[in-house]
Amino acid sequence: MSVRVRFAPSPTGALHMGGVRTALYNYLLAKKEKGTFILRIEDTDQNRFVPGAEEYIKKSLEWCGIVPDEGPEQGGEYGPYCQSERKASYAQYAQQLIDSGWAYYAFDTPEEIEAARENAKKEGKHAWQYDLHTRGTMRNSETLAKDEVASLIAAGAKYTVRFKVPAGEVVVFVDEIRGEVRSNSDLLDDKVLFKSDGMPTYHLANVADDHAMKITHVIRGEEWLPSAPMHVLLYRALGWEDSRPKFAHLPLIMKPEGNGKLSKRDGDKLGFPVFPLEWKDPKSEEISSGYREQGYYPEAFVNMLLLLGWNSGTEQEIFTRDEMIAAFSLDRVVKSGARFSPDKSKWFNENYLRSRSPEQLAADVRSLAPEFNGLDDTKLAQMCALMAERSTLITDLLTHTYFYERPASYDEKLARKKWKEETTGLMTELTNELDQLDDFSEEKIDQVMQDFVAKKEIGFGQIGPIFRLLITGKGGGPSMSALSEFLGKEETVARLRIGLEKLG
C-alpha cells in the first residue's frame, strides 16, 4: 500500500515549531516514499477553538514549503478534511462500540466527577481517574439498570460515551522510533470518546479518520505516546486491527538548557521566537514574534527543525529540500529529547543568507519590508553585498541606516576615546585631499589614506576609527573605502565636514 501520512493540528492557537517539525517529518516520509501528505484540521474541541488559528496553520505550512497533497484547500478523495465537517460519521462508531460492549454511557456531571476526585484525595488517593477500578462507583450504564439508562436518554439527559478498557491485559505495539511499547491496561483510564455536545474527542475522531483516510503511518509528538495503547485497543474494538497504521512518536523539543519542553515562555524570556510566523492572540491581543518577521529564511528554519531530533549519520548539516527527502527515514529519528539552540538557528540562517546574491538579498529586504525606500534596487544590492558577511538575519540588513541617512548622533564613548588634540586638523586635511579626487573609487580612496598616514608618520588607528565615526556615527561596519565609494565623493565629504563641525 502506498504511504499515506497526515498532519492533524487543532486550531487552538498558534502553531508551535514542534508542530511544524511534526508536519515536516510527515511530509518528508511521504515524499521519500512517493506517497501522500494530508493536512487534516482536528477542530472537534469547540471550547478551545481560536478564531484565525486554522488560517495561521495553513499560512505557516505554506511559508515553510510544506505543501499538502490533500487537505481543506486541496480537496481529495477522502474529504472533507476538517473534522467538524465529518461530525455525522462519528456517532455510528460510538454506537458500534456501545453495542459491542467496548463503550458505555456515562451520566456523571462535572461536579460529581470532581467530588469523586476530592473524596479520593481525602482518602490519600491523589491519582484518581475514571477507569475500571472506579467506573463501578459512578453513574453510568455499567451501574444503572437498562430501563433507567433508556429513560435518561429519552428524557434528554446529558451523557458522554466512555471507552471500556479491558482488565488485566498487556497492550503491546511496535513504535517505529522507540521499538516495542508495553502497557498494562489496568493503568489506563476510560477515555471519553463522544461528548455531550455531540462531538467526538480526539481519540475517537483521529482513529476513525485515520482508518477512513487509509493512513499508513501516524507520526506525532511524544505527548501522545500515553494515549497510543488506548488507540491500539480502539482499532481492535472497531474491527480494524489488521489495517492499523504504524506509530512513530517524535521526541520533545527541549529548552536551551535541556531541562523541560520548549515553550513560548522560554522564547519570551530568552528573546527568540517559537512560532514560524508572528501571532496575535485574538483574546489577549498579545503579539508573539515569528521566525519570518525576525528575518529568517523558511529554508533555514526548516533545515534547523530537520536536525532537531533526526540525524543523517553524516557530518552534513545544510540540506536542500531534495537532499532532505532523499536522506530522511524514521530509523534515524532519535528517542531522547532534542535541545533547541537559538545560536544554532542563527547559524543556519547565516549560511543561507550568505549563499545568496546581492540582488537576491535586495529582493529579500523588499519582501520583508515593502515600505523600505532608503535605496533604489541597484544601491540596495550594493549595500547587501557590503553587509552580507556581517549579517545573520535579513532584518540585520535594515539596521544599517547610514547607507542612506546621515548620522543623527555619534558614539560618544568612541569619540571620547579616540578624539585627540590633533584629530580635527588631521581629519580636515584628509577631507580636503579626498575632495580633490577625480576617481572616487575604493582603490583610490585606500591609496589616499595610506599615503596620508605615511606622510604624517602616524598609525592608521589615529584616523581610521574617527573616519568611520564621522561617516556612520558608529564604531563598526564594512570597509570605509568601500562605503565611501558607495556614498560617493559629495556625500562622503559632506558627512566628514558635518561631523567635524559637531565633534571638532
Protein backbone atom coordinates (compact mmCIF):
# COMPACT_ATOMS: atom_id res chain seq x y z
CA MET A 1 0.00 0.00 0.00
CA SER A 2 1.23 3.50 -0.83
CA VAL A 3 2.38 5.56 2.16
CA ARG A 4 -0.29 7.96 3.39
CA VAL A 5 0.50 10.27 6.31
CA ARG A 6 -1.30 13.17 7.91
CA PHE A 7 -0.54 16.25 9.96
CA ALA A 8 -3.58 16.85 12.15
CA PRO A 9 -3.29 20.06 14.20
CA SER A 10 -6.03 21.57 16.35
CA PRO A 11 -6.86 25.25 15.68
CA THR A 12 -6.47 26.21 19.34
CA GLY A 13 -3.73 28.81 18.89
CA ALA A 14 -0.50 29.47 17.04
CA LEU A 15 1.40 26.56 15.52
CA HIS A 16 4.44 25.82 17.70
CA MET A 17 7.73 24.98 15.98
CA GLY A 18 7.36 21.45 17.39
CA GLY A 19 4.17 21.11 15.36
CA VAL A 20 5.96 22.34 12.25
CA ARG A 21 8.63 19.68 12.81
CA THR A 22 5.90 17.01 13.04
CA ALA A 23 4.45 18.25 9.75
CA LEU A 24 7.93 18.27 8.19
CA TYR A 25 8.73 14.67 9.15
CA ASN A 26 5.36 13.50 7.82
CA TYR A 27 5.92 15.44 4.60
CA LEU A 28 9.46 14.10 4.10
CA LEU A 29 8.41 10.48 4.60
CA ALA A 30 5.57 10.92 2.11
CA LYS A 31 7.87 12.45 -0.49
CA LYS A 32 10.61 9.88 0.14
CA GLU A 33 8.15 7.02 -0.43
CA LYS A 34 6.28 8.82 -3.23
CA GLY A 35 3.20 8.75 -1.03
CA THR A 36 0.59 11.29 0.07
CA PHE A 37 0.85 14.03 2.71
CA ILE A 38 -2.51 15.12 4.16
CA LEU A 39 -3.47 18.14 6.23
CA ARG A 40 -6.45 17.42 8.48
CA ILE A 41 -7.81 20.08 10.82
CA GLU A 42 -8.96 18.49 14.08
CA ASP A 43 -11.47 21.10 15.24
CA THR A 44 -13.78 18.94 17.36
CA ASP A 45 -12.95 20.77 20.60
CA GLN A 46 -15.20 23.79 20.15
CA ASN A 47 -14.42 25.12 23.65
CA ARG A 48 -10.77 25.63 22.77
CA PHE A 49 -11.27 26.84 19.21
CA VAL A 50 -9.41 30.09 18.48
CA PRO A 51 -10.51 32.31 15.58
CA GLY A 52 -7.77 32.70 12.97
CA ALA A 53 -5.77 29.70 14.16
CA GLU A 54 -6.68 27.47 11.21
CA GLU A 55 -5.64 30.10 8.70
CA TYR A 56 -2.44 30.67 10.67
CA ILE A 57 -1.61 26.94 10.46
CA LYS A 58 -2.13 26.91 6.69
CA LYS A 59 -0.03 30.06 6.15
CA SER A 60 2.76 28.70 8.35
CA LEU A 61 2.97 25.47 6.36
CA GLU A 62 2.87 27.43 3.11
CA TRP A 63 5.77 29.67 4.29
CA CYS A 64 7.77 26.56 5.17
CA GLY A 65 7.08 24.95 1.79
CA ILE A 66 5.31 22.01 3.43
CA VAL A 67 2.51 21.71 0.92
CA PRO A 68 -0.26 19.12 1.45
CA ASP A 69 -1.31 16.79 -1.32
CA GLU A 70 -4.79 16.57 0.23
CA GLY A 71 -6.41 18.97 2.67
CA PRO A 72 -9.09 21.61 3.22
CA GLU A 73 -7.72 23.77 0.39
CA GLN A 74 -6.55 20.99 -1.91
CA GLY A 75 -9.52 18.64 -1.54
CA GLY A 76 -9.10 14.94 -2.19
CA GLU A 77 -10.84 11.61 -2.39
CA TYR A 78 -11.14 11.17 1.38
CA GLY A 79 -12.51 14.58 2.41
CA PRO A 80 -13.81 16.62 4.00
CA TYR A 81 -10.56 17.41 5.81
CA CYS A 82 -11.96 19.39 8.75
CA GLN A 83 -13.30 17.11 11.46
CA SER A 84 -16.19 19.45 12.26
CA GLU A 85 -17.46 18.72 8.74
CA ARG A 86 -17.27 14.97 9.39
CA LYS A 87 -19.43 15.17 12.52
CA ALA A 88 -22.17 12.89 11.20
CA SER A 89 -19.76 9.99 10.73
CA TYR A 90 -18.61 9.60 14.34
CA ALA A 91 -21.86 8.75 16.13
CA GLN A 92 -22.11 5.41 14.33
CA TYR A 93 -18.73 4.35 15.69
CA ALA A 94 -19.64 5.37 19.21
CA GLN A 95 -22.86 3.35 18.91
CA GLN A 96 -20.95 0.39 17.46
CA LEU A 97 -18.65 0.38 20.47
CA ILE A 98 -21.57 0.55 22.89
CA ASP A 99 -23.41 -2.27 21.10
CA SER A 100 -20.31 -4.47 21.17
CA GLY A 101 -19.59 -3.80 24.85
CA TRP A 102 -16.47 -1.75 24.25
CA ALA A 103 -18.00 1.50 25.47
CA TYR A 104 -20.71 2.74 27.81
CA TYR A 105 -22.88 5.76 28.58
CA ALA A 106 -21.68 7.96 31.45
CA PHE A 107 -24.19 10.38 33.01
CA ASP A 108 -21.89 11.87 35.66
CA THR A 109 -21.85 15.63 35.84
CA PRO A 110 -18.55 17.52 36.07
CA GLU A 111 -19.45 18.30 39.68
CA GLU A 112 -19.91 14.61 40.51
CA ILE A 113 -16.59 13.72 38.93
CA GLU A 114 -14.86 16.49 40.86
CA ALA A 115 -16.48 15.30 44.09
CA ALA A 116 -15.18 11.77 43.45
CA ARG A 117 -11.72 13.18 42.86
CA GLU A 118 -11.84 15.20 46.10
CA ASN A 119 -13.07 12.21 48.11
CA ALA A 120 -10.16 10.18 46.76
CA LYS A 121 -7.75 12.88 47.89
CA LYS A 122 -9.20 12.79 51.40
CA GLU A 123 -8.53 9.06 51.41
CA GLY A 124 -4.95 9.68 50.31
CA LYS A 125 -5.52 8.61 46.69
CA HIS A 126 -4.25 11.58 44.73
CA ALA A 127 -4.23 9.99 41.26
CA TRP A 128 -7.97 9.34 40.87
CA GLN A 129 -9.17 8.63 37.36
CA TYR A 130 -12.32 7.28 35.73
CA ASP A 131 -11.24 3.72 35.00
CA LEU A 132 -12.02 0.04 35.51
CA HIS A 133 -11.39 0.46 39.24
CA THR A 134 -13.75 3.41 39.72
CA ARG A 135 -16.39 3.09 36.99
CA GLY A 136 -18.45 0.84 39.28
CA THR A 137 -18.90 3.74 41.73
CA MET A 138 -20.10 6.25 39.13
CA ARG A 139 -23.38 6.94 37.29
CA ASN A 140 -23.10 5.09 34.01
CA SER A 141 -24.69 2.28 32.03
CA GLU A 142 -22.39 -0.18 33.79
CA THR A 143 -24.00 0.58 37.16
CA LEU A 144 -27.53 1.70 36.23
CA ALA A 145 -30.39 -0.56 35.17
CA LYS A 146 -31.11 -0.77 31.44
CA ASP A 147 -34.52 0.81 31.75
CA GLU A 148 -33.09 3.69 33.79
CA VAL A 149 -30.44 4.28 31.13
CA ALA A 150 -33.12 4.25 28.44
CA SER A 151 -35.27 6.67 30.43
CA LEU A 152 -32.37 9.09 30.96
CA ILE A 153 -31.55 9.10 27.26
CA ALA A 154 -35.20 9.52 26.28
CA ALA A 155 -35.50 12.44 28.71
CA GLY A 156 -32.57 14.19 27.06
CA ALA A 157 -30.14 13.75 29.94
CA LYS A 158 -26.60 14.80 29.08
CA TYR A 159 -24.11 11.98 28.75
CA THR A 160 -20.74 11.10 27.36
CA VAL A 161 -19.60 7.84 25.82
CA ARG A 162 -16.55 6.34 27.52
CA PHE A 163 -14.28 3.59 26.27
CA LYS A 164 -14.39 0.45 28.40
CA VAL A 165 -10.78 -0.54 28.92
CA PRO A 166 -10.48 -4.33 29.44
CA ALA A 167 -8.90 -5.58 32.65
CA GLY A 168 -5.65 -7.49 33.02
CA GLU A 169 -4.18 -7.04 29.53
CA VAL A 170 -0.71 -6.10 28.40
CA VAL A 171 -1.19 -3.87 25.37
CA VAL A 172 1.78 -4.23 23.01
CA PHE A 173 2.67 -2.33 19.86
CA VAL A 174 5.86 -1.52 17.97
CA ASP A 175 6.80 2.14 17.71
CA GLU A 176 8.88 2.93 14.61
CA ILE A 177 11.21 5.07 16.72
CA ARG A 178 11.09 3.53 20.20
CA GLY A 179 10.69 -0.14 19.43
CA GLU A 180 8.30 -2.34 21.43
CA VAL A 181 5.99 -0.47 23.83
CA ARG A 182 4.10 -2.44 26.52
CA SER A 183 1.33 -1.06 28.74
CA ASN A 184 -0.80 -2.61 31.49
CA SER A 185 -4.46 -1.98 30.71
CA ASP A 186 -5.24 -1.80 34.43
CA LEU A 187 -3.43 1.54 34.48
CA LEU A 188 -5.38 3.09 31.60
CA ASP A 189 -8.38 5.36 32.14
CA ASP A 190 -11.72 5.08 30.37
CA LYS A 191 -11.29 7.96 27.93
CA VAL A 192 -14.30 9.95 26.77
CA LEU A 193 -14.93 9.13 23.10
CA PHE A 194 -18.08 11.12 22.49
CA LYS A 195 -19.02 14.34 24.27
CA SER A 196 -22.37 15.65 25.42
CA ASP A 197 -22.30 18.29 22.66
CA GLY A 198 -22.44 15.54 20.02
CA MET A 199 -18.81 15.94 19.03
CA PRO A 200 -16.18 13.19 19.25
CA THR A 201 -13.00 13.61 21.26
CA TYR A 202 -9.57 13.41 19.66
CA HIS A 203 -9.32 9.72 20.48
CA LEU A 204 -12.35 8.54 18.53
CA ALA A 205 -12.14 11.09 15.73
CA ASN A 206 -8.49 10.58 14.91
CA VAL A 207 -8.76 6.78 14.89
CA ALA A 208 -11.92 6.88 12.77
CA ASP A 209 -10.49 9.40 10.33
CA ASP A 210 -7.11 7.67 10.05
CA HIS A 211 -8.96 4.50 9.12
CA ALA A 212 -11.28 6.28 6.67
CA MET A 213 -8.37 8.13 5.03
CA LYS A 214 -6.26 4.94 4.81
CA ILE A 215 -3.40 6.42 6.85
CA THR A 216 -0.41 4.07 6.92
CA HIS A 217 1.84 5.91 9.43
CA VAL A 218 0.83 8.07 12.40
CA ILE A 219 3.82 10.33 13.11
CA ARG A 220 3.11 12.60 16.06
CA GLY A 221 4.66 14.10 19.19
CA GLU A 222 5.80 12.17 22.24
CA GLU A 223 2.99 13.70 24.29
CA TRP A 224 0.58 11.30 22.54
CA LEU A 225 2.55 8.19 23.50
CA PRO A 226 0.47 7.57 26.70
CA SER A 227 -2.70 7.55 24.55
CA ALA A 228 -1.33 5.10 21.99
CA PRO A 229 -2.25 1.91 23.94
CA MET A 230 -5.88 3.00 24.08
CA HIS A 231 -5.80 3.76 20.36
CA VAL A 232 -4.46 0.25 19.76
CA LEU A 233 -7.41 -1.10 21.75
CA LEU A 234 -9.80 1.13 19.79
CA TYR A 235 -8.59 -0.30 16.49
CA ARG A 236 -9.25 -3.78 17.84
CA ALA A 237 -12.66 -2.82 19.23
CA LEU A 238 -13.74 -1.36 15.88
CA GLY A 239 -12.52 -4.41 13.96
CA TRP A 240 -9.71 -2.53 12.22
CA GLU A 241 -6.72 -4.18 13.87
CA ASP A 242 -5.38 -5.60 10.61
CA SER A 243 -5.29 -2.16 8.97
CA ARG A 244 -3.93 -0.24 11.96
CA PRO A 245 -1.26 2.28 10.91
CA LYS A 246 2.29 2.18 12.18
CA PHE A 247 3.01 4.54 15.07
CA ALA A 248 6.04 6.82 15.41
CA HIS A 249 6.26 9.16 18.40
CA LEU A 250 8.73 12.01 17.95
CA PRO A 251 11.00 13.26 20.77
CA LEU A 252 10.24 16.52 22.53
CA ILE A 253 12.00 19.75 21.61
CA MET A 254 13.70 20.78 24.82
CA LYS A 255 14.59 24.15 26.34
CA PRO A 256 18.07 25.52 25.52
CA GLU A 257 19.32 24.39 28.93
CA GLY A 258 17.92 20.93 28.19
CA ASN A 259 15.54 20.73 31.12
CA GLY A 260 11.88 20.55 30.09
CA LYS A 261 9.83 21.05 26.95
CA LEU A 262 10.41 24.23 24.96
CA SER A 263 7.57 26.70 25.45
CA LYS A 264 6.54 30.17 24.34
CA ARG A 265 7.54 31.42 27.79
CA ASP A 266 11.12 30.28 27.15
CA GLY A 267 11.20 32.24 23.91
CA ASP A 268 9.78 35.34 25.57
CA LYS A 269 12.33 35.12 28.38
CA LEU A 270 15.39 34.45 26.22
CA GLY A 271 14.41 36.52 23.20
CA PHE A 272 13.77 34.01 20.41
CA PRO A 273 10.56 33.00 18.58
CA VAL A 274 8.88 29.62 18.94
CA PHE A 275 6.30 30.25 16.20
CA PRO A 276 7.01 30.28 12.44
CA LEU A 277 5.01 33.47 11.84
CA GLU A 278 4.03 36.37 14.05
CA TRP A 279 0.86 35.57 16.00
CA LYS A 280 -1.62 37.97 17.59
CA ASP A 281 -3.82 36.33 20.19
CA PRO A 282 -7.41 37.36 19.36
CA LYS A 283 -8.40 37.40 23.04
CA SER A 284 -5.46 38.99 24.82
CA GLU A 285 -4.18 40.81 21.70
CA GLU A 286 -0.70 39.79 22.80
CA ILE A 287 1.70 39.63 19.85
CA SER A 288 4.24 36.81 19.68
CA SER A 289 7.18 37.13 17.32
CA GLY A 290 7.72 34.77 14.41
CA TYR A 291 10.78 33.48 12.58
CA ARG A 292 9.65 35.10 9.34
CA GLU A 293 9.30 38.56 10.88
CA GLN A 294 12.62 38.29 12.68
CA GLY A 295 14.36 37.82 9.35
CA TYR A 296 14.80 34.06 9.00
CA TYR A 297 14.60 32.22 5.72
CA PRO A 298 12.00 29.43 5.65
CA GLU A 299 14.69 27.12 4.25
CA ALA A 300 16.92 27.83 7.25
CA PHE A 301 14.05 27.37 9.71
CA VAL A 302 13.09 24.04 8.15
CA ASN A 303 16.74 22.90 7.97
CA MET A 304 17.12 23.68 11.68
CA LEU A 305 13.95 21.73 12.53
CA LEU A 306 15.09 18.76 10.46
CA LEU A 307 18.08 18.25 12.75
CA LEU A 308 16.11 18.73 15.97
CA GLY A 309 15.56 15.03 16.56
CA TRP A 310 16.93 13.47 13.36
CA ASN A 311 20.42 12.94 12.00
CA SER A 312 21.67 11.64 8.70
CA GLY A 313 24.58 9.70 10.21
CA THR A 314 26.99 12.06 8.43
CA GLU A 315 28.62 15.42 9.16
CA GLN A 316 26.29 17.21 6.73
CA GLU A 317 24.18 19.95 8.29
CA ILE A 318 22.98 22.09 5.38
CA PHE A 319 20.38 20.22 3.28
CA THR A 320 18.45 21.25 0.21
CA ARG A 321 14.83 20.11 0.12
CA ASP A 322 15.70 17.30 -2.31
CA GLU A 323 18.55 16.18 -0.06
CA MET A 324 16.22 16.13 2.95
CA ILE A 325 13.76 13.92 1.11
CA ALA A 326 16.45 11.55 -0.13
CA ALA A 327 18.11 11.19 3.29
CA PHE A 328 15.08 11.06 5.60
CA SER A 329 13.99 7.90 7.36
CA LEU A 330 12.24 7.23 10.65
CA ASP A 331 15.01 4.95 11.87
CA ARG A 332 17.32 7.99 12.11
CA VAL A 333 14.94 9.84 14.45
CA VAL A 334 16.31 9.87 18.00
CA LYS A 335 14.36 8.74 21.06
CA SER A 336 15.60 11.32 23.55
CA GLY A 337 14.60 14.98 23.64
CA ALA A 338 16.34 17.36 21.22
CA ARG A 339 17.76 20.51 22.81
CA PHE A 340 16.97 23.71 20.95
CA SER A 341 19.81 26.18 20.43
CA PRO A 342 18.92 29.78 19.48
CA ASP A 343 22.53 30.33 18.36
CA LYS A 344 22.40 27.29 16.08
CA SER A 345 19.19 28.53 14.48
CA LYS A 346 21.00 31.80 13.67
CA TRP A 347 23.94 29.82 12.29
CA PHE A 348 21.63 28.07 9.84
CA ASN A 349 20.16 31.36 8.69
CA GLU A 350 23.58 32.95 8.35
CA ASN A 351 24.61 30.16 5.97
CA TYR A 352 21.54 30.63 3.80
CA LEU A 353 21.86 34.43 3.81
CA ARG A 354 25.50 34.39 2.77
CA SER A 355 24.84 31.98 -0.06
CA ARG A 356 22.52 34.44 -1.79
CA SER A 357 23.49 37.01 -4.40
CA PRO A 358 23.31 40.74 -3.63
CA GLU A 359 20.30 41.01 -5.95
CA GLN A 360 18.51 38.18 -4.14
CA LEU A 361 19.26 39.80 -0.78
CA ALA A 362 17.89 43.11 -2.03
CA ALA A 363 14.67 41.36 -3.06
CA ASP A 364 14.54 39.67 0.36
CA VAL A 365 14.76 43.06 2.08
CA ARG A 366 11.97 44.45 -0.09
CA SER A 367 9.83 41.40 0.65
CA LEU A 368 10.32 41.66 4.39
CA ALA A 369 9.89 45.45 4.47
CA PRO A 370 7.78 46.57 1.48
CA GLU A 371 7.78 50.13 2.82
CA PHE A 372 11.59 50.31 2.67
CA ASN A 373 12.58 53.16 0.36
CA GLY A 374 16.02 54.21 1.57
CA LEU A 375 17.74 52.99 -1.60
CA ASP A 376 16.86 52.03 -5.15
CA ASP A 377 17.33 48.41 -6.23
CA THR A 378 20.87 48.86 -7.55
CA LYS A 379 22.09 50.69 -4.45
CA LEU A 380 20.28 48.25 -2.14
CA ALA A 381 22.04 45.32 -3.82
CA GLN A 382 25.38 47.10 -3.38
CA MET A 383 24.62 47.64 0.30
CA CYS A 384 23.71 43.97 0.73
CA ALA A 385 26.98 42.94 -0.92
CA LEU A 386 28.91 45.05 1.58
CA MET A 387 26.99 43.85 4.63
CA ALA A 388 26.20 40.16 3.92
CA GLU A 389 29.33 38.92 5.72
CA ARG A 390 28.35 40.95 8.76
CA SER A 391 24.70 39.90 8.86
CA THR A 392 22.86 36.88 10.25
CA LEU A 393 19.20 37.78 9.67
CA ILE A 394 17.53 39.59 6.80
CA THR A 395 16.47 42.22 9.31
CA ASP A 396 20.15 42.94 10.05
CA LEU A 397 20.39 44.46 6.59
CA LEU A 398 17.73 47.01 7.53
CA THR A 399 19.61 48.28 10.58
CA HIS A 400 22.49 49.93 8.68
CA THR A 401 20.71 53.22 8.09
CA TYR A 402 23.99 55.09 7.49
CA PHE A 403 23.92 53.69 3.96
CA TYR A 404 21.10 56.06 3.12
CA GLU A 405 20.91 58.54 6.01
CA ARG A 406 23.45 60.86 7.56
CA PRO A 407 24.11 60.00 11.20
CA ALA A 408 21.81 61.82 13.60
CA SER A 409 24.16 61.14 16.51
CA TYR A 410 27.67 59.87 17.16
CA ASP A 411 29.02 57.22 19.50
CA GLU A 412 30.06 59.40 22.43
CA LYS A 413 32.18 56.73 24.11
CA LEU A 414 34.19 56.16 20.93
CA ALA A 415 34.58 59.90 20.38
CA ARG A 416 35.94 60.45 23.90
CA LYS A 417 38.35 57.56 23.49
CA LYS A 418 39.70 58.35 20.01
CA TRP A 419 39.44 62.14 19.60
CA LYS A 420 42.82 63.72 20.34
CA GLU A 421 44.10 67.30 20.19
CA GLU A 422 45.43 66.84 16.67
CA THR A 423 42.40 64.92 15.35
CA THR A 424 40.47 67.92 13.98
CA GLY A 425 43.42 69.15 11.97
CA LEU A 426 44.31 65.72 10.60
CA MET A 427 40.76 64.91 9.57
CA THR A 428 40.23 68.34 7.98
CA GLU A 429 43.35 67.88 5.87
CA LEU A 430 42.37 64.32 4.89
CA THR A 431 38.89 65.51 3.93
CA ASN A 432 40.36 68.17 1.65
CA GLU A 433 42.59 65.59 -0.06
CA LEU A 434 39.66 63.29 -0.66
CA ASP A 435 37.70 66.21 -2.07
CA GLN A 436 40.39 66.61 -4.74
CA LEU A 437 39.97 63.08 -6.07
CA ASP A 438 38.56 62.75 -9.57
CA ASP A 439 38.35 58.96 -9.37
CA PHE A 440 36.45 58.28 -6.13
CA SER A 441 36.90 54.51 -6.23
CA GLU A 442 37.64 52.20 -3.34
CA GLU A 443 41.19 51.65 -4.57
CA LYS A 444 41.95 55.40 -4.93
CA ILE A 445 40.42 56.19 -1.52
CA ASP A 446 42.56 53.45 0.04
CA GLN A 447 45.67 54.87 -1.62
CA VAL A 448 44.97 58.42 -0.39
CA MET A 449 44.56 57.20 3.19
CA GLN A 450 47.70 55.07 3.07
CA ASP A 451 49.73 57.94 1.63
CA PHE A 452 48.27 60.28 4.24
CA VAL A 453 49.31 58.21 7.29
CA ALA A 454 52.76 57.65 5.76
CA LYS A 455 53.22 61.37 5.11
CA LYS A 456 52.07 62.32 8.61
CA GLU A 457 54.06 59.46 10.19
CA ILE A 458 51.05 58.31 12.18
CA GLY A 459 49.30 55.00 12.67
CA PHE A 460 46.10 54.24 10.83
CA GLY A 461 44.39 53.94 14.23
CA GLN A 462 44.63 57.71 14.60
CA ILE A 463 42.34 58.39 11.64
CA GLY A 464 40.50 55.12 10.76
CA PRO A 465 38.07 54.93 13.71
CA ILE A 466 37.38 58.66 13.53
CA PHE A 467 36.77 58.47 9.76
CA ARG A 468 34.21 55.72 10.42
CA LEU A 469 32.62 57.67 13.27
CA LEU A 470 32.15 60.79 11.13
CA ILE A 471 30.65 58.80 8.23
CA THR A 472 28.40 56.38 10.12
CA GLY A 473 28.13 57.64 13.70
CA LYS A 474 29.18 54.13 14.82
CA GLY A 475 32.29 52.17 15.66
CA GLY A 476 31.94 49.15 13.39
CA GLY A 477 30.91 48.24 9.88
CA PRO A 478 32.20 47.49 6.39
CA SER A 479 35.38 48.73 4.75
CA MET A 480 35.34 52.53 4.89
CA SER A 481 36.84 52.84 1.43
CA ALA A 482 34.09 50.61 0.02
CA LEU A 483 31.41 52.52 1.93
CA SER A 484 32.83 55.86 0.76
CA GLU A 485 32.72 54.72 -2.87
CA PHE A 486 29.14 53.61 -2.29
CA LEU A 487 28.17 57.01 -0.87
CA GLY A 488 30.09 58.96 -3.49
CA LYS A 489 32.50 61.85 -3.07
CA GLU A 490 29.93 64.58 -2.46
CA GLU A 491 28.13 62.72 0.32
CA THR A 492 31.33 61.37 1.92
CA VAL A 493 32.98 64.79 2.07
CA ALA A 494 29.77 66.39 3.34
CA ARG A 495 29.48 63.86 6.18
CA LEU A 496 33.10 64.33 7.16
CA ARG A 497 32.72 68.12 7.35
CA ILE A 498 29.39 67.98 9.20
CA GLY A 499 30.88 65.57 11.71
CA LEU A 500 33.95 67.74 12.23
CA GLU A 501 31.73 70.75 12.94
CA LYS A 502 29.79 68.80 15.55
CA LEU A 503 32.68 66.98 17.23
CA GLY A 504 35.79 69.04 16.46
